[in-house]
Amino acid sequence: MENQQKPRKSVLFSQNLLRDLNLIEQLVIASSLKPDDTVYEIGAGKGIITEVLASHCKNVVAIESDPQFVGQLKQRYATQPNVTIVQGNFLDHLLPKSSYKVFSNIPFNITSDIIRKLVNADTPPTDSYLITQYEAALKFAGKPYGKESLFSVQIKPWFELLIKYQFKKSDFTPEPKVKIVLLRITKRQKPLISDNQSKVFKDFVAYVFNRSMPNIKVGLKHIFTGNQISRIAKDLRFSESATPTQLSFEQWLDLFKAFISLVDIKKRQIVAGSDSKLKNEQAGIEKYHRTRMSKNWKKEAIF
């Protein structure tokens, strides 16, 4: 079991450290990790997960931002040539073009940024196992665990998301106040949306999510006729008064197929650029909120 000395305040801000080597061993054995894999670890901390990964995989790249932890990790794994310790912010790290996987207890305060970086990479990992907060996992995984979100609908044509394990609070130090789970994100071997339609799909989903108050019928009124909406809703078995989060991913796929087959090129331009526009708006909101945070928050944050 890992040395249980109290972590520094900066670490506590965003990361709860696993303490049971045997539990990590069980999770890694149950994962898709193989002896010839290269695996990335984000936020290696004191290296308890690194130790297990190194015994199971050909190459381990452990990324850590905290200089004190980096020093400990380099000393601990100095004699293990299959472990590479990298000091820095994972969000600034260049991901490989060759095949790799991820297994990490990630810093919770940048969960969204980490997952977006992984799924939007030119070469995304073939499989990722991320220890994260349960509420965040619900947002990313959508149904059957919770309602679909903009994020879950946009990435599911390319990735499958499953909650593989629910931890006990006593598995961590310090003990978290929230539920923590292991979220698996697997790249599909065959995408459900073709490459030449990927941007259109993301624009379409972003457009509908951003304009569907109070319901999806309102969000679609500038794209489909009233009769078309009624027929589509009946065929796909959802209510015209449903909100975007109430549709299943499969219904979203069929709704997009209806958009492609029924809507002319001129009307398709209505949704063009919606995804980028929405992301820019969200980035502006996040920047605004960051500027309102206290100076103490900035000093205590890991990243």
C-alpha atoms as a PDB file:
ATOM      1  CA  MET A   1       0.000   0.000   0.000  1.00  0.00           C
ATOM      2  CA  GLU A   2       1.235   3.503  -0.819  1.00  0.00           C
ATOM      3  CA  ASN A   3       2.786   5.745   1.838  1.00  0.00           C
ATOM      4  CA  GLN A   4      -0.215   7.565   3.283  1.00  0.00           C
ATOM      5  CA  GLN A   5       1.437  10.856   4.275  1.00  0.00           C
ATOM      6  CA  LYS A   6      -0.866  13.826   3.755  1.00  0.00           C
ATOM      7  CA  PRO A   7      -0.645  15.184   0.178  1.00  0.00           C
ATOM      8  CA  ARG A   8       0.223  18.835  -0.313  1.00  0.00           C
ATOM      9  CA  LYS A   9      -2.615  21.355  -0.604  1.00  0.00           C
ATOM     10  CA  SER A  10      -2.056  21.872  -4.337  1.00  0.00           C
ATOM     11  CA  VAL A  11      -2.621  18.159  -4.972  1.00  0.00           C
ATOM     12  CA  LEU A  12      -5.728  17.997  -2.819  1.00  0.00           C
ATOM     13  CA  PHE A  13      -7.311  20.679  -4.923  1.00  0.00           C
ATOM     14  CA  SER A  14      -7.996  18.373  -7.827  1.00  0.00           C
ATOM     15  CA  GLN A  15      -6.772  14.839  -7.250  1.00  0.00           C
ATOM     16  CA  ASN A  16      -7.509  12.066  -4.774  1.00  0.00           C
ATOM     17  CA  LEU A  17      -4.754   9.468  -4.759  1.00  0.00           C
ATOM     18  CA  LEU A  18      -5.440   5.735  -4.909  1.00  0.00           C
ATOM     19  CA  ARG A  19      -3.948   3.790  -2.032  1.00  0.00           C
ATOM     20  CA  ASP A  20      -4.461   0.057  -2.788  1.00  0.00           C
ATOM     21  CA  LEU A  21      -1.964  -1.582  -5.136  1.00  0.00           C
ATOM     22  CA  ASN A  22      -3.993  -4.794  -5.283  1.00  0.00           C
ATOM     23  CA  LEU A  23      -7.106  -2.967  -6.478  1.00  0.00           C
ATOM     24  CA  ILE A  24      -5.172  -1.260  -9.272  1.00  0.00           C
ATOM     25  CA  GLU A  25      -3.705  -4.626 -10.242  1.00  0.00           C
ATOM     26  CA  GLN A  26      -7.195  -6.118 -10.530  1.00  0.00           C
ATOM     27  CA  LEU A  27      -8.447  -3.217 -12.658  1.00  0.00           C
ATOM     28  CA  VAL A  28      -5.477  -3.366 -15.011  1.00  0.00           C
ATOM     29  CA  ILE A  29      -5.802  -7.142 -15.411  1.00  0.00           C
ATOM     30  CA  ALA A  30      -9.505  -6.687 -16.255  1.00  0.00           C
ATOM     31  CA  SER A  31      -8.698  -3.978 -18.818  1.00  0.00           C
ATOM     32  CA  SER A  32      -7.643  -4.317 -22.456  1.00  0.00           C
ATOM     33  CA  LEU A  33      -3.994  -3.493 -21.678  1.00  0.00           C
ATOM     34  CA  LYS A  34      -1.560  -5.971 -23.245  1.00  0.00           C
ATOM     35  CA  PRO A  35       2.174  -6.686 -22.785  1.00  0.00           C
ATOM     36  CA  ASP A  36       3.102  -4.974 -26.076  1.00  0.00           C
ATOM     37  CA  ASP A  37       1.069  -1.778 -25.401  1.00  0.00           C
ATOM     38  CA  THR A  38       2.285   1.745 -24.902  1.00  0.00           C
ATOM     39  CA  VAL A  39       0.181   3.345 -22.183  1.00  0.00           C
ATOM     40  CA  TYR A  40      -0.022   6.976 -21.064  1.00  0.00           C
ATOM     41  CA  GLU A  41      -0.714   7.955 -17.469  1.00  0.00           C
ATOM     42  CA  ILE A  42      -2.016  11.480 -16.819  1.00  0.00           C
ATOM     43  CA  GLY A  43      -1.268  12.838 -13.360  1.00  0.00           C
ATOM     44  CA  ALA A  44       1.013  10.067 -12.090  1.00  0.00           C
ATOM     45  CA  GLY A  45       1.212  11.464  -8.553  1.00  0.00           C
ATOM     46  CA  LYS A  46       3.388   9.210  -6.387  1.00  0.00           C
ATOM     47  CA  GLY A  47       3.439   6.439  -8.989  1.00  0.00           C
ATOM     48  CA  ILE A  48       1.252   3.698  -7.544  1.00  0.00           C
ATOM     49  CA  ILE A  49      -0.598   3.218 -10.867  1.00  0.00           C
ATOM     50  CA  THR A  50       2.697   3.627 -12.737  1.00  0.00           C
ATOM     51  CA  GLU A  51       4.092   0.662 -10.850  1.00  0.00           C
ATOM     52  CA  VAL A  52       1.293  -1.641 -11.989  1.00  0.00           C
ATOM     53  CA  LEU A  53       1.316  -0.362 -15.576  1.00  0.00           C
ATOM     54  CA  ALA A  54       5.080  -0.902 -15.805  1.00  0.00           C
ATOM     55  CA  SER A  55       4.674  -4.561 -14.848  1.00  0.00           C
ATOM     56  CA  HIS A  56       2.024  -5.160 -17.520  1.00  0.00           C
ATOM     57  CA  CYS A  57       2.944  -2.987 -20.531  1.00  0.00           C
ATOM     58  CA  LYS A  58       5.885  -2.546 -22.854  1.00  0.00           C
ATOM     59  CA  ASN A  59       6.100   1.242 -22.454  1.00  0.00           C
ATOM     60  CA  VAL A  60       4.659   3.606 -19.852  1.00  0.00           C
ATOM     61  CA  VAL A  61       4.679   7.387 -20.302  1.00  0.00           C
ATOM     62  CA  ALA A  62       3.833   8.984 -16.959  1.00  0.00           C
ATOM     63  CA  ILE A  63       3.006  12.704 -17.131  1.00  0.00           C
ATOM     64  CA  GLU A  64       3.051  14.764 -13.924  1.00  0.00           C
ATOM     65  CA  SER A  65       3.021  18.529 -13.365  1.00  0.00           C
ATOM     66  CA  ASP A  66       4.089  18.669  -9.721  1.00  0.00           C
ATOM     67  CA  PRO A  67       7.921  19.069  -9.517  1.00  0.00           C
ATOM     68  CA  GLN A  68       8.099  17.290  -6.162  1.00  0.00           C
ATOM     69  CA  PHE A  69       6.257  14.240  -7.494  1.00  0.00           C
ATOM     70  CA  VAL A  70       8.338  14.289 -10.686  1.00  0.00           C
ATOM     71  CA  GLY A  71      11.527  14.097  -8.640  1.00  0.00           C
ATOM     72  CA  GLN A  72      10.165  11.159  -6.648  1.00  0.00           C
ATOM     73  CA  LEU A  73       8.992   9.379  -9.789  1.00  0.00           C
ATOM     74  CA  LYS A  74      12.314   9.769 -11.594  1.00  0.00           C
ATOM     75  CA  GLN A  75      14.154   8.363  -8.598  1.00  0.00           C
ATOM     76  CA  ARG A  76      11.663   5.521  -8.138  1.00  0.00           C
ATOM     77  CA  TYR A  77      11.771   4.399 -11.789  1.00  0.00           C
ATOM     78  CA  ALA A  78      15.377   5.254 -12.627  1.00  0.00           C
ATOM     79  CA  THR A  79      16.205   1.594 -13.234  1.00  0.00           C
ATOM     80  CA  GLN A  80      13.090   0.754 -15.263  1.00  0.00           C
ATOM     81  CA  PRO A  81      13.774   1.524 -18.946  1.00  0.00           C
ATOM     82  CA  ASN A  82      10.133   0.975 -19.965  1.00  0.00           C
ATOM     83  CA  VAL A  83       8.974   3.949 -17.837  1.00  0.00           C
ATOM     84  CA  THR A  84       9.358   7.522 -19.095  1.00  0.00           C
ATOM     85  CA  ILE A  85       8.609  10.347 -16.658  1.00  0.00           C
ATOM     86  CA  VAL A  86       7.496  13.616 -18.260  1.00  0.00           C
ATOM     87  CA  GLN A  87       7.158  16.824 -16.278  1.00  0.00           C
ATOM     88  CA  GLY A  88       4.477  19.187 -17.560  1.00  0.00           C
ATOM     89  CA  ASN A  89       0.835  19.890 -18.192  1.00  0.00           C
ATOM     90  CA  PHE A  90      -0.794  17.058 -20.128  1.00  0.00           C
ATOM     91  CA  LEU A  91      -2.919  19.594 -22.021  1.00  0.00           C
ATOM     92  CA  ASP A  92       0.298  20.939 -23.587  1.00  0.00           C
ATOM     93  CA  HIS A  93       1.753  17.512 -24.323  1.00  0.00           C
ATOM     94  CA  LEU A  94       1.980  16.270 -27.910  1.00  0.00           C
ATOM     95  CA  LEU A  95       0.252  12.909 -28.280  1.00  0.00           C
ATOM     96  CA  PRO A  96       1.873  10.174 -30.385  1.00  0.00           C
ATOM     97  CA  LYS A  97       0.892   9.291 -33.926  1.00  0.00           C
ATOM     98  CA  SER A  98       1.380   5.591 -33.231  1.00  0.00           C
ATOM     99  CA  SER A  99      -1.050   3.360 -31.328  1.00  0.00           C
ATOM    100  CA  TYR A 100      -1.357   3.913 -27.562  1.00  0.00           C
ATOM    101  CA  LYS A 101      -3.763   3.541 -24.640  1.00  0.00           C
ATOM    102  CA  VAL A 102      -4.449   5.554 -21.490  1.00  0.00           C
ATOM    103  CA  PHE A 103      -4.940   4.468 -17.887  1.00  0.00           C
ATOM    104  CA  SER A 104      -5.084   7.335 -15.401  1.00  0.00           C
ATOM    105  CA  ASN A 105      -6.392   8.784 -12.183  1.00  0.00           C
ATOM    106  CA  ILE A 106      -6.845  12.207 -13.748  1.00  0.00           C
ATOM    107  CA  PRO A 107      -6.995  15.600 -11.997  1.00  0.00           C
ATOM    108  CA  PHE A 108     -10.735  16.163 -11.596  1.00  0.00           C
ATOM    109  CA  ASN A 109     -10.654  19.920 -12.184  1.00  0.00           C
ATOM    110  CA  ILE A 110      -9.549  19.448 -15.808  1.00  0.00           C
ATOM    111  CA  THR A 111     -11.529  16.296 -16.629  1.00  0.00           C
ATOM    112  CA  SER A 112     -13.410  17.869 -19.545  1.00  0.00           C
ATOM    113  CA  ASP A 113     -10.238  19.317 -21.074  1.00  0.00           C
ATOM    114  CA  ILE A 114      -8.430  15.983 -20.820  1.00  0.00           C
ATOM    115  CA  ILE A 115     -11.229  13.978 -22.415  1.00  0.00           C
ATOM    116  CA  ARG A 116     -11.687  16.516 -25.212  1.00  0.00           C
ATOM    117  CA  LYS A 117      -7.967  16.421 -25.935  1.00  0.00           C
ATOM    118  CA  LEU A 118      -8.002  12.619 -26.141  1.00  0.00           C
ATOM    119  CA  VAL A 119     -11.108  12.178 -28.320  1.00  0.00           C
ATOM    120  CA  ASN A 120     -10.224  15.089 -30.629  1.00  0.00           C
ATOM    121  CA  ALA A 121      -6.592  14.051 -31.145  1.00  0.00           C
ATOM    122  CA  ASP A 122      -5.418  13.330 -34.679  1.00  0.00           C
ATOM    123  CA  THR A 123      -4.551   9.877 -33.342  1.00  0.00           C
ATOM    124  CA  PRO A 124      -6.810   9.222 -30.348  1.00  0.00           C
ATOM    125  CA  PRO A 125      -6.012   6.384 -27.945  1.00  0.00           C
ATOM    126  CA  THR A 126      -7.532   3.047 -28.919  1.00  0.00           C
ATOM    127  CA  ASP A 127      -8.705   2.620 -25.323  1.00  0.00           C
ATOM    128  CA  SER A 128      -8.788   4.920 -22.287  1.00  0.00           C
ATOM    129  CA  TYR A 129      -9.504   4.122 -18.643  1.00  0.00           C
ATOM    130  CA  LEU A 130     -10.055   7.301 -16.664  1.00  0.00           C
ATOM    131  CA  ILE A 131     -10.743   7.528 -12.949  1.00  0.00           C
ATOM    132  CA  THR A 132     -13.134  10.446 -12.643  1.00  0.00           C
ATOM    133  CA  GLN A 133     -16.094  11.812 -10.738  1.00  0.00           C
ATOM    134  CA  TYR A 134     -19.364   9.946 -11.237  1.00  0.00           C
ATOM    135  CA  GLU A 135     -21.312  13.083 -12.221  1.00  0.00           C
ATOM    136  CA  ALA A 136     -18.739  13.908 -14.885  1.00  0.00           C
ATOM    137  CA  ALA A 137     -18.851  10.334 -16.202  1.00  0.00           C
ATOM    138  CA  LEU A 138     -22.640  10.604 -16.564  1.00  0.00           C
ATOM    139  CA  LYS A 139     -22.240  13.720 -18.688  1.00  0.00           C
ATOM    140  CA  PHE A 140     -19.708  12.094 -20.985  1.00  0.00           C
ATOM    141  CA  ALA A 141     -21.294   8.633 -21.228  1.00  0.00           C
ATOM    142  CA  GLY A 142     -24.965   9.657 -21.501  1.00  0.00           C
ATOM    143  CA  LYS A 143     -27.458   6.799 -21.744  1.00  0.00           C
ATOM    144  CA  PRO A 144     -27.918   4.244 -20.247  1.00  0.00           C
ATOM    145  CA  TYR A 145     -26.379   5.922 -17.173  1.00  0.00           C
ATOM    146  CA  GLY A 146     -28.124   9.273 -17.574  1.00  0.00           C
ATOM    147  CA  LYS A 147     -29.459  11.626 -20.215  1.00  0.00           C
ATOM    148  CA  GLU A 148     -27.536  12.229 -23.409  1.00  0.00           C
ATOM    149  CA  SER A 149     -25.529  15.456 -23.475  1.00  0.00           C
ATOM    150  CA  LEU A 150     -24.188  17.494 -26.361  1.00  0.00           C
ATOM    151  CA  PHE A 151     -20.777  15.993 -25.657  1.00  0.00           C
ATOM    152  CA  SER A 152     -21.968  12.375 -25.508  1.00  0.00           C
ATOM    153  CA  VAL A 153     -23.976  12.615 -28.731  1.00  0.00           C
ATOM    154  CA  GLN A 154     -21.125  14.272 -30.612  1.00  0.00           C
ATOM    155  CA  ILE A 155     -18.491  11.663 -29.744  1.00  0.00           C
ATOM    156  CA  LYS A 156     -20.477   8.414 -29.738  1.00  0.00           C
ATOM    157  CA  PRO A 157     -20.212   7.878 -33.509  1.00  0.00           C
ATOM    158  CA  TRP A 158     -16.478   7.403 -32.913  1.00  0.00           C
ATOM    159  CA  PHE A 159     -16.250   6.131 -29.324  1.00  0.00           C
ATOM    160  CA  GLU A 160     -18.043   3.776 -26.947  1.00  0.00           C
ATOM    161  CA  LEU A 161     -18.280   4.919 -23.331  1.00  0.00           C
ATOM    162  CA  LEU A 162     -18.832   2.593 -20.365  1.00  0.00           C
ATOM    163  CA  ILE A 163     -18.621   2.968 -16.608  1.00  0.00           C
ATOM    164  CA  LYS A 164     -16.553  -0.064 -15.640  1.00  0.00           C
ATOM    165  CA  TYR A 165     -16.139   0.251 -11.884  1.00  0.00           C
ATOM    166  CA  GLN A 166     -17.395   2.269  -8.910  1.00  0.00           C
ATOM    167  CA  PHE A 167     -14.805   2.917  -6.232  1.00  0.00           C
ATOM    168  CA  LYS A 168     -15.314   3.132  -2.500  1.00  0.00           C
ATOM    169  CA  LYS A 169     -14.402   6.445  -0.901  1.00  0.00           C
ATOM    170  CA  SER A 170     -11.936   4.584   1.297  1.00  0.00           C
ATOM    171  CA  ASP A 171      -9.953   3.597  -1.826  1.00  0.00           C
ATOM    172  CA  PHE A 172      -8.507   7.124  -1.904  1.00  0.00           C
ATOM    173  CA  THR A 173      -6.499   9.498   0.206  1.00  0.00           C
ATOM    174  CA  PRO A 174      -7.888  11.931   1.078  1.00  0.00           C
ATOM    175  CA  GLU A 175     -11.350  10.348   0.949  1.00  0.00           C
ATOM    176  CA  PRO A 176     -13.464  12.181  -1.672  1.00  0.00           C
ATOM    177  CA  LYS A 177     -16.848  13.701  -0.909  1.00  0.00           C
ATOM    178  CA  VAL A 178     -18.225  12.510  -4.249  1.00  0.00           C
ATOM    179  CA  LYS A 179     -18.629   9.175  -6.032  1.00  0.00           C
ATOM    180  CA  ILE A 180     -15.699   8.151  -8.204  1.00  0.00           C
ATOM    181  CA  VAL A 181     -15.789   5.674 -11.087  1.00  0.00           C
ATOM    182  CA  LEU A 182     -13.614   4.181 -13.787  1.00  0.00           C
ATOM    183  CA  LEU A 183     -14.791   5.457 -17.172  1.00  0.00           C
ATOM    184  CA  ARG A 184     -13.748   3.517 -20.266  1.00  0.00           C
ATOM    185  CA  ILE A 185     -13.641   5.278 -23.650  1.00  0.00           C
ATOM    186  CA  THR A 186     -13.012   2.897 -26.552  1.00  0.00           C
ATOM    187  CA  LYS A 187     -12.377   4.016 -30.110  1.00  0.00           C
ATOM    188  CA  ARG A 188     -14.754   2.281 -32.506  1.00  0.00           C
ATOM    189  CA  GLN A 189     -13.039   0.204 -35.177  1.00  0.00           C
ATOM    190  CA  LYS A 190     -15.655   1.385 -37.664  1.00  0.00           C
ATOM    191  CA  PRO A 191     -17.160   4.864 -37.093  1.00  0.00           C
ATOM    192  CA  LEU A 192     -20.935   5.230 -37.322  1.00  0.00           C
ATOM    193  CA  ILE A 193     -20.564   8.504 -39.238  1.00  0.00           C
ATOM    194  CA  SER A 194     -18.357   8.779 -42.328  1.00  0.00           C
ATOM    195  CA  ASP A 195     -15.371  11.143 -42.302  1.00  0.00           C
ATOM    196  CA  ASN A 196     -16.919  13.432 -44.900  1.00  0.00           C
ATOM    197  CA  GLN A 197     -20.031  13.883 -42.737  1.00  0.00           C
ATOM    198  CA  SER A 198     -18.356  14.244 -39.344  1.00  0.00           C
ATOM    199  CA  LYS A 199     -18.301  18.058 -39.331  1.00  0.00           C
ATOM    200  CA  VAL A 200     -21.889  18.254 -40.579  1.00  0.00           C
ATOM    201  CA  PHE A 201     -23.010  15.861 -37.842  1.00  0.00           C
ATOM    202  CA  LYS A 202     -21.326  17.878 -35.076  1.00  0.00           C
ATOM    203  CA  ASP A 203     -22.714  21.131 -36.479  1.00  0.00           C
ATOM    204  CA  PHE A 204     -26.213  19.647 -36.664  1.00  0.00           C
ATOM    205  CA  VAL A 205     -26.134  18.351 -33.080  1.00  0.00           C
ATOM    206  CA  ALA A 206     -24.691  21.626 -31.754  1.00  0.00           C
ATOM    207  CA  TYR A 207     -27.331  23.636 -33.622  1.00  0.00           C
ATOM    208  CA  VAL A 208     -30.250  21.621 -32.244  1.00  0.00           C
ATOM    209  CA  PHE A 209     -28.902  21.531 -28.677  1.00  0.00           C
ATOM    210  CA  ASN A 210     -28.335  25.293 -28.733  1.00  0.00           C
ATOM    211  CA  ARG A 211     -31.763  26.178 -30.127  1.00  0.00           C
ATOM    212  CA  SER A 212     -34.106  23.631 -28.589  1.00  0.00           C
ATOM    213  CA  MET A 213     -35.764  25.684 -25.883  1.00  0.00           C
ATOM    214  CA  PRO A 214     -38.356  24.707 -24.915  1.00  0.00           C
ATOM    215  CA  ASN A 215     -38.211  21.559 -27.089  1.00  0.00           C
ATOM    216  CA  ILE A 216     -36.704  19.877 -30.108  1.00  0.00           C
ATOM    217  CA  LYS A 217     -39.603  20.872 -32.373  1.00  0.00           C
ATOM    218  CA  VAL A 218     -38.694  24.515 -31.856  1.00  0.00           C
ATOM    219  CA  GLY A 219     -35.036  23.748 -32.499  1.00  0.00           C
ATOM    220  CA  LEU A 220     -35.834  22.062 -35.822  1.00  0.00           C
ATOM    221  CA  LYS A 221     -38.434  24.482 -37.168  1.00  0.00           C
ATOM    222  CA  HIS A 222     -36.009  26.313 -39.490  1.00  0.00           C
ATOM    223  CA  ILE A 223     -34.700  23.036 -40.923  1.00  0.00           C
ATOM    224  CA  PHE A 224     -37.725  20.764 -41.334  1.00  0.00           C
ATOM    225  CA  THR A 225     -41.319  21.588 -42.166  1.00  0.00           C
ATOM    226  CA  GLY A 226     -43.958  21.023 -39.504  1.00  0.00           C
ATOM    227  CA  ASN A 227     -45.196  17.911 -41.311  1.00  0.00           C
ATOM    228  CA  GLN A 228     -41.674  16.550 -41.620  1.00  0.00           C
ATOM    229  CA  ILE A 229     -41.008  17.031 -37.904  1.00  0.00           C
ATOM    230  CA  SER A 230     -44.261  15.274 -36.987  1.00  0.00           C
ATOM    231  CA  ARG A 231     -43.518  12.343 -39.278  1.00  0.00           C
ATOM    232  CA  ILE A 232     -39.899  12.026 -38.092  1.00  0.00           C
ATOM    233  CA  ALA A 233     -40.951  12.151 -34.438  1.00  0.00           C
ATOM    234  CA  LYS A 234     -43.551   9.449 -35.053  1.00  0.00           C
ATOM    235  CA  ASP A 235     -41.149   7.226 -37.030  1.00  0.00           C
ATOM    236  CA  LEU A 236     -38.343   7.590 -34.485  1.00  0.00           C
ATOM    237  CA  ARG A 237     -40.733   7.280 -31.537  1.00  0.00           C
ATOM    238  CA  PHE A 238     -40.002  10.483 -29.681  1.00  0.00           C
ATOM    239  CA  SER A 239     -42.335  13.269 -28.624  1.00  0.00           C
ATOM    240  CA  GLU A 240     -42.295  16.555 -30.516  1.00  0.00           C
ATOM    241  CA  SER A 241     -42.099  18.202 -27.101  1.00  0.00           C
ATOM    242  CA  ALA A 242     -38.980  16.215 -26.157  1.00  0.00           C
ATOM    243  CA  THR A 243     -35.759  18.022 -25.327  1.00  0.00           C
ATOM    244  CA  PRO A 244     -32.432  17.039 -26.959  1.00  0.00           C
ATOM    245  CA  THR A 245     -31.276  15.223 -23.822  1.00  0.00           C
ATOM    246  CA  GLN A 246     -34.348  12.964 -23.901  1.00  0.00           C
ATOM    247  CA  LEU A 247     -33.474  11.451 -27.273  1.00  0.00           C
ATOM    248  CA  SER A 248     -31.330   8.345 -27.328  1.00  0.00           C
ATOM    249  CA  PHE A 249     -28.107   8.302 -29.315  1.00  0.00           C
ATOM    250  CA  GLU A 250     -29.728   5.940 -31.831  1.00  0.00           C
ATOM    251  CA  GLN A 251     -32.550   8.454 -32.342  1.00  0.00           C
ATOM    252  CA  TRP A 252     -29.970  11.177 -32.914  1.00  0.00           C
ATOM    253  CA  LEU A 253     -28.300   9.069 -35.603  1.00  0.00           C
ATOM    254  CA  ASP A 254     -31.628   8.525 -37.364  1.00  0.00           C
ATOM    255  CA  LEU A 255     -32.542  12.206 -36.984  1.00  0.00           C
ATOM    256  CA  PHE A 256     -29.273  13.129 -38.675  1.00  0.00           C
ATOM    257  CA  LYS A 257     -29.989  10.669 -41.501  1.00  0.00           C
ATOM    258  CA  ALA A 258     -33.346  12.401 -42.002  1.00  0.00           C
ATOM    259  CA  PHE A 259     -31.534  15.755 -42.112  1.00  0.00           C
ATOM    260  CA  ILE A 260     -29.155  14.477 -44.801  1.00  0.00           C
ATOM    261  CA  SER A 261     -31.899  12.890 -46.923  1.00  0.00           C
ATOM    262  CA  LEU A 262     -34.687  15.490 -46.600  1.00  0.00           C
ATOM    263  CA  VAL A 263     -32.981  18.868 -46.267  1.00  0.00           C
ATOM    264  CA  ASP A 264     -31.656  20.727 -49.313  1.00  0.00           C
ATOM    265  CA  ILE A 265     -28.193  22.266 -49.522  1.00  0.00           C
ATOM    266  CA  LYS A 266     -29.477  25.789 -48.861  1.00  0.00           C
ATOM    267  CA  LYS A 267     -31.136  24.802 -45.588  1.00  0.00           C
ATOM    268  CA  ARG A 268     -28.124  22.743 -44.552  1.00  0.00           C
ATOM    269  CA  GLN A 269     -26.160  25.997 -44.488  1.00  0.00           C
ATOM    270  CA  ILE A 270     -28.294  27.067 -41.506  1.00  0.00           C
ATOM    271  CA  VAL A 271     -26.409  24.656 -39.249  1.00  0.00           C
ATOM    272  CA  ALA A 272     -22.958  25.211 -40.800  1.00  0.00           C
ATOM    273  CA  GLY A 273     -20.391  26.401 -38.263  1.00  0.00           C
ATOM    274  CA  SER A 274     -22.680  25.825 -35.264  1.00  0.00           C
ATOM    275  CA  ASP A 275     -20.214  23.601 -33.443  1.00  0.00           C
ATOM    276  CA  SER A 276     -17.333  26.086 -33.638  1.00  0.00           C
ATOM    277  CA  LYS A 277     -19.605  28.981 -32.713  1.00  0.00           C
ATOM    278  CA  LEU A 278     -20.937  27.171 -29.646  1.00  0.00           C
ATOM    279  CA  LYS A 279     -17.434  26.157 -28.515  1.00  0.00           C
ATOM    280  CA  ASN A 280     -16.248  29.765 -28.847  1.00  0.00           C
ATOM    281  CA  GLU A 281     -19.199  30.953 -26.776  1.00  0.00           C
ATOM    282  CA  GLN A 282     -18.490  28.347 -24.098  1.00  0.00           C
ATOM    283  CA  ALA A 283     -14.790  29.253 -24.056  1.00  0.00           C
ATOM    284  CA  GLY A 284     -15.746  32.883 -23.496  1.00  0.00           C
ATOM    285  CA  ILE A 285     -18.006  31.958 -20.601  1.00  0.00           C
ATOM    286  CA  GLU A 286     -15.317  29.775 -19.029  1.00  0.00           C
ATOM    287  CA  LYS A 287     -12.749  32.565 -19.404  1.00  0.00           C
ATOM    288  CA  TYR A 288     -15.146  35.005 -17.744  1.00  0.00           C
ATOM    289  CA  HIS A 289     -15.661  32.682 -14.791  1.00  0.00           C
ATOM    290  CA  ARG A 290     -11.925  32.066 -14.440  1.00  0.00           C
ATOM    291  CA  THR A 291     -11.280  35.801 -14.152  1.00  0.00           C
ATOM    292  CA  ARG A 292     -13.748  35.910 -11.246  1.00  0.00           C
ATOM    293  CA  MET A 293     -11.891  33.219  -9.297  1.00  0.00           C
ATOM    294  CA  SER A 294      -9.825  34.361  -6.318  1.00  0.00           C
ATOM    295  CA  LYS A 295      -6.071  34.719  -6.548  1.00  0.00           C
ATOM    296  CA  ASN A 296      -5.768  32.021  -3.907  1.00  0.00           C
ATOM    297  CA  TRP A 297      -7.568  29.580  -6.233  1.00  0.00           C
ATOM    298  CA  LYS A 298      -5.004  30.232  -8.955  1.00  0.00           C
ATOM    299  CA  LYS A 299      -2.128  29.678  -6.536  1.00  0.00           C
ATOM    300  CA  GLU A 300      -3.542  26.393  -5.309  1.00  0.00           C
ATOM    301  CA  ALA A 301      -4.450  24.864  -8.687  1.00  0.00           C
ATOM    302  CA  ILE A 302      -2.230  22.185 -10.168  1.00  0.00           C
ATOM    303  CA  PHE A 303      -2.768  23.281 -13.760  1.00  0.00           C
END
